[in-house]
C-alpha atoms as a PDB file:
ATOM      1  CA  MET A   1       0.132  -0.132   0.174  1.00  0.00           C
ATOM      2  CA  PHE A   2       1.217   3.550  -0.648  1.00  0.00           C
ATOM      3  CA  CYS A   3       0.423   7.051   0.576  1.00  0.00           C
ATOM      4  CA  ALA A   4      -2.136   9.035  -1.720  1.00  0.00           C
ATOM      5  CA  ASN A   5      -0.104  12.351  -0.963  1.00  0.00           C
ATOM      6  CA  CYS A   6       3.788  11.412  -0.914  1.00  0.00           C
ATOM      7  CA  TYR A   7       3.391   8.131  -2.432  1.00  0.00           C
ATOM      8  CA  LYS A   8       5.995   6.235   0.262  1.00  0.00           C
ATOM      9  CA  GLU A   9       4.975   2.671   0.825  1.00  0.00           C
ATOM     10  CA  ILE A  10       3.276   2.180   3.963  1.00  0.00           C
ATOM     11  CA  PRO A  11       4.649  -1.148   5.717  1.00  0.00           C
ATOM     12  CA  ALA A  12       2.099  -3.781   6.459  1.00  0.00           C
ATOM     13  CA  GLY A  13       0.967  -3.489  10.593  1.00  0.00           C
ATOM     14  CA  LYS A  14       2.262  -0.053  10.398  1.00  0.00           C
ATOM     15  CA  SER A  15      -0.858   2.497  11.333  1.00  0.00           C
ATOM     16  CA  TYR A  16      -2.190   4.863   8.723  1.00  0.00           C
ATOM     17  CA  TYR A  17      -4.522   7.451   8.054  1.00  0.00           C
ATOM     18  CA  LYS A  18      -7.526   6.930   5.779  1.00  0.00           C
ATOM     19  CA  HIS A  19      -9.983   9.224   3.881  1.00  0.00           C
ATOM     20  CA  GLN A  20     -13.380   8.540   4.393  1.00  0.00           C
ATOM     21  CA  ASP A  21     -14.692   9.246   0.855  1.00  0.00           C
ATOM     22  CA  THR A  22     -12.068   8.292  -1.180  1.00  0.00           C
ATOM     23  CA  ASN A  23     -10.732   5.273   0.957  1.00  0.00           C
ATOM     24  CA  GLN A  24      -7.235   6.607  -0.155  1.00  0.00           C
ATOM     25  CA  SER A  25      -4.603   6.111   2.474  1.00  0.00           C
ATOM     26  CA  TYR A  26      -1.976   8.258   4.021  1.00  0.00           C
ATOM     27  CA  CYS A  27       1.272   7.612   5.972  1.00  0.00           C
ATOM     28  CA  SER A  28       0.921  10.116   8.247  1.00  0.00           C
ATOM     29  CA  LEU A  29      -1.147  13.018   9.102  1.00  0.00           C
ATOM     30  CA  ASP A  30       0.891  15.516   7.727  1.00  0.00           C
ATOM     31  CA  CYS A  31       0.402  13.984   4.478  1.00  0.00           C
ATOM     32  CA  LEU A  32      -3.253  13.770   5.015  1.00  0.00           C
ATOM     33  CA  ASN A  33      -3.417  17.414   6.202  1.00  0.00           C
ATOM     34  CA  ASP A  34      -1.260  18.555   3.022  1.00  0.00           C
ATOM     35  CA  HIS A  35      -3.829  16.630   0.792  1.00  0.00           C
ATOM     36  CA  MET A  36      -6.676  18.172   2.033  1.00  0.00           C
ATOM     37  CA  ILE A  37      -5.557  21.960   2.026  1.00  0.00           C
ATOM     38  CA  TYR A  38      -4.330  21.162  -1.668  1.00  0.00           C
ATOM     39  CA  THR A  39      -7.744  19.768  -2.911  1.00  0.00           C
ATOM     40  CA  HIS A  40     -10.286  21.886  -0.943  1.00  0.00           C
ATOM     41  CA  VAL A  41      -8.569  25.355  -0.566  1.00  0.00           C
ATOM     42  CA  LEU A  42     -10.257  26.769  -3.132  1.00  0.00           C
ATOM     43  CA  THR A  43     -13.615  25.647  -1.996  1.00  0.00           C
ATOM     44  CA  ILE A  44     -12.529  27.080   1.284  1.00  0.00           C
ATOM     45  CA  GLU A  45     -11.635  30.394   0.347  1.00  0.00           C
ATOM     46  CA  THR A  46     -14.483  30.920  -1.749  1.00  0.00           C
ATOM     47  CA  SER A  47     -16.833  29.902   0.871  1.00  0.00           C
ATOM     48  CA  GLU A  48     -15.035  32.592   3.590  1.00  0.00           C
ATOM     49  CA  GLY A  49     -15.064  35.048   0.768  1.00  0.00           C
ATOM     50  CA  GLU A  50     -18.758  34.782   0.120  1.00  0.00           C
ATOM     51  CA  GLU A  51     -19.794  34.874   3.677  1.00  0.00           C
ATOM     52  CA  SER A  52     -17.585  37.702   4.546  1.00  0.00           C
ATOM     53  CA  THR A  53     -18.886  39.962   1.557  1.00  0.00           C
ATOM     54  CA  GLU A  54     -22.761  38.807   2.904  1.00  0.00           C
ATOM     55  CA  GLU A  55     -22.121  39.656   7.011  1.00  0.00           C
ATOM     56  CA  GLN A  56     -20.405  43.130   5.650  1.00  0.00           C
ATOM     57  CA  ASP A  57     -23.569  43.937   3.559  1.00  0.00           C
ATOM     58  CA  ASN A  58     -25.863  43.071   6.359  1.00  0.00           C
ATOM     59  CA  ASP A  59     -23.955  45.507   8.815  1.00  0.00           C
ATOM     60  CA  GLU A  60     -24.607  48.225   6.317  1.00  0.00           C
END
């Protein structure tokens, strides 16, 4: 089995992290975080920007 982020082999019997939606395996929490930030950052930024704009409009 290989890490979906860094592609290093995850030895048999070693613990690993698994993404619930994609079932991809990650050798460390850092690799899982790196993958999540890379694949979801645009959605997060867009969502926060829209919320921030709506809140500012409501305050005026």
